[in-house]
Amino acid sequence: MRINGEKTDKAAAKIGPGDTLTFPQGSIIRVVEVVLCGARRGPAPEAQTLYLDKTPPQESVPKSPGFDGKGRPTKKDRRSLDLSRRGPLA
């Protein structure tokens, strides 16, 4: 997790209005700007008003070729499935 572009190891790091948080969520890197600090722990719709999501839009990744369900996949089919499951970062 990064606060204003600087890496932090502490889960209890202090943040305030105007701070920018960058963190991974699944395979997406999220960028969030804190607008206000909440006075209490409340429902999700209320919490969503406290930040602005500045995550850049993800480019759509074409769906990987899958198994058609017709018999056993060949070695070539299995290799292509393995490559598509590993993703671009592996």
C-alpha atoms as a PDB file:
ATOM      1  CA  MET A   1       0.000   0.000   0.000  1.00  0.00           C
ATOM      2  CA  ARG A   2       1.182   3.513  -0.782  1.00  0.00           C
ATOM      3  CA  ILE A   3       0.088   6.758   0.842  1.00  0.00           C
ATOM      4  CA  ASN A   4       0.788   9.806  -1.333  1.00  0.00           C
ATOM      5  CA  GLY A   5       3.180   7.712  -3.423  1.00  0.00           C
ATOM      6  CA  GLU A   6       5.269   6.493  -0.476  1.00  0.00           C
ATOM      7  CA  LYS A   7       5.220   2.837   0.528  1.00  0.00           C
ATOM      8  CA  THR A   8       4.013   2.089   4.047  1.00  0.00           C
ATOM      9  CA  ASP A   9       4.343  -1.121   6.024  1.00  0.00           C
ATOM     10  CA  LYS A  10       2.104  -0.032   8.882  1.00  0.00           C
ATOM     11  CA  ALA A  11      -1.555  -0.981   8.700  1.00  0.00           C
ATOM     12  CA  ALA A  12      -2.369   1.775  11.198  1.00  0.00           C
ATOM     13  CA  ALA A  13      -0.810   4.636   9.220  1.00  0.00           C
ATOM     14  CA  LYS A  14      -2.595   7.955   9.689  1.00  0.00           C
ATOM     15  CA  ILE A  15      -4.403   9.371   6.672  1.00  0.00           C
ATOM     16  CA  GLY A  16      -6.503  12.458   6.199  1.00  0.00           C
ATOM     17  CA  PRO A  17      -8.429  14.463   3.630  1.00  0.00           C
ATOM     18  CA  GLY A  18      -6.408  15.033   0.476  1.00  0.00           C
ATOM     19  CA  ASP A  19      -4.275  11.881   0.846  1.00  0.00           C
ATOM     20  CA  THR A  20      -4.029   9.495  -2.106  1.00  0.00           C
ATOM     21  CA  LEU A  21      -3.998   5.752  -1.444  1.00  0.00           C
ATOM     22  CA  THR A  22      -2.686   3.245  -3.996  1.00  0.00           C
ATOM     23  CA  PHE A  23      -3.233  -0.456  -3.325  1.00  0.00           C
ATOM     24  CA  PRO A  24      -3.789  -3.745  -5.152  1.00  0.00           C
ATOM     25  CA  GLN A  25      -7.270  -5.249  -5.169  1.00  0.00           C
ATOM     26  CA  GLY A  26      -7.282  -8.569  -6.956  1.00  0.00           C
ATOM     27  CA  SER A  27      -5.579  -8.016 -10.295  1.00  0.00           C
ATOM     28  CA  ILE A  28      -6.380  -4.275 -10.322  1.00  0.00           C
ATOM     29  CA  ILE A  29      -4.286  -1.444  -8.858  1.00  0.00           C
ATOM     30  CA  ARG A  30      -6.726   0.956  -7.169  1.00  0.00           C
ATOM     31  CA  VAL A  31      -6.083   4.685  -6.673  1.00  0.00           C
ATOM     32  CA  VAL A  32      -8.331   6.419  -4.137  1.00  0.00           C
ATOM     33  CA  GLU A  33      -8.308  10.014  -2.857  1.00  0.00           C
ATOM     34  CA  VAL A  34      -9.624  10.622   0.662  1.00  0.00           C
ATOM     35  CA  VAL A  35     -12.204  13.447   0.707  1.00  0.00           C
ATOM     36  CA  LEU A  36     -13.331  13.343   4.350  1.00  0.00           C
ATOM     37  CA  CYS A  37     -12.693  11.226   7.423  1.00  0.00           C
ATOM     38  CA  GLY A  38     -15.796   9.547   8.785  1.00  0.00           C
ATOM     39  CA  ALA A  39     -16.936  10.330  12.308  1.00  0.00           C
ATOM     40  CA  ARG A  40     -18.302   6.823  12.808  1.00  0.00           C
ATOM     41  CA  ARG A  41     -18.326   3.413  11.226  1.00  0.00           C
ATOM     42  CA  GLY A  42     -21.371   3.391   8.989  1.00  0.00           C
ATOM     43  CA  PRO A  43     -22.983   1.735   5.989  1.00  0.00           C
ATOM     44  CA  ALA A  44     -21.206   1.305   2.643  1.00  0.00           C
ATOM     45  CA  PRO A  45     -23.168   4.018   0.766  1.00  0.00           C
ATOM     46  CA  GLU A  46     -22.127   6.531   3.426  1.00  0.00           C
ATOM     47  CA  ALA A  47     -18.492   5.372   3.271  1.00  0.00           C
ATOM     48  CA  GLN A  48     -18.446   5.743  -0.526  1.00  0.00           C
ATOM     49  CA  THR A  49     -19.089   9.471  -0.162  1.00  0.00           C
ATOM     50  CA  LEU A  50     -15.831   9.836   1.810  1.00  0.00           C
ATOM     51  CA  TYR A  51     -13.475   9.051  -1.097  1.00  0.00           C
ATOM     52  CA  LEU A  52     -13.019   9.559  -4.844  1.00  0.00           C
ATOM     53  CA  ASP A  53     -12.035   6.541  -6.918  1.00  0.00           C
ATOM     54  CA  LYS A  54      -9.342   7.653  -9.380  1.00  0.00           C
ATOM     55  CA  THR A  55      -8.497   4.164 -10.634  1.00  0.00           C
ATOM     56  CA  PRO A  56      -7.663   4.350 -14.341  1.00  0.00           C
ATOM     57  CA  PRO A  57     -10.064   2.347 -16.521  1.00  0.00           C
ATOM     58  CA  GLN A  58      -8.847  -1.147 -17.277  1.00  0.00           C
ATOM     59  CA  GLU A  59      -8.447  -2.094 -20.896  1.00  0.00           C
ATOM     60  CA  SER A  60     -10.614  -5.050 -21.750  1.00  0.00           C
ATOM     61  CA  VAL A  61      -8.640  -8.248 -22.063  1.00  0.00           C
ATOM     62  CA  PRO A  62      -9.933 -10.586 -24.743  1.00  0.00           C
ATOM     63  CA  LYS A  63     -11.322 -13.789 -23.332  1.00  0.00           C
ATOM     64  CA  SER A  64      -8.783 -16.582 -23.425  1.00  0.00           C
ATOM     65  CA  PRO A  65      -9.501 -19.613 -25.547  1.00  0.00           C
ATOM     66  CA  GLY A  66     -11.189 -22.247 -23.476  1.00  0.00           C
ATOM     67  CA  PHE A  67     -12.054 -25.885 -23.757  1.00  0.00           C
ATOM     68  CA  ASP A  68     -15.081 -26.528 -25.981  1.00  0.00           C
ATOM     69  CA  GLY A  69     -16.150 -29.570 -23.996  1.00  0.00           C
ATOM     70  CA  LYS A  70     -15.693 -31.981 -26.887  1.00  0.00           C
ATOM     71  CA  GLY A  71     -13.605 -34.852 -25.616  1.00  0.00           C
ATOM     72  CA  ARG A  72     -10.273 -34.661 -23.868  1.00  0.00           C
ATOM     73  CA  PRO A  73      -8.184 -31.524 -24.529  1.00  0.00           C
ATOM     74  CA  THR A  74      -5.013 -32.087 -26.532  1.00  0.00           C
ATOM     75  CA  LYS A  75      -1.595 -31.165 -25.194  1.00  0.00           C
ATOM     76  CA  LYS A  76      -1.702 -27.997 -27.303  1.00  0.00           C
ATOM     77  CA  ASP A  77      -5.082 -27.088 -25.764  1.00  0.00           C
ATOM     78  CA  ARG A  78      -3.740 -27.675 -22.248  1.00  0.00           C
ATOM     79  CA  ARG A  79      -0.677 -25.501 -22.920  1.00  0.00           C
ATOM     80  CA  SER A  80      -2.806 -22.630 -24.218  1.00  0.00           C
ATOM     81  CA  LEU A  81      -5.099 -22.920 -21.182  1.00  0.00           C
ATOM     82  CA  ASP A  82      -2.083 -22.880 -18.835  1.00  0.00           C
ATOM     83  CA  LEU A  83      -0.698 -19.760 -20.529  1.00  0.00           C
ATOM     84  CA  SER A  84      -4.039 -17.970 -20.337  1.00  0.00           C
ATOM     85  CA  ARG A  85      -4.476 -18.840 -16.645  1.00  0.00           C
ATOM     86  CA  ARG A  86      -1.007 -17.588 -15.689  1.00  0.00           C
ATOM     87  CA  GLY A  87      -1.767 -14.152 -17.079  1.00  0.00           C
ATOM     88  CA  PRO A  88       0.607 -11.486 -18.338  1.00  0.00           C
ATOM     89  CA  LEU A  89       2.485 -11.076 -15.028  1.00  0.00           C
ATOM     90  CA  ALA A  90       3.727 -14.669 -14.620  1.00  0.00           C
END
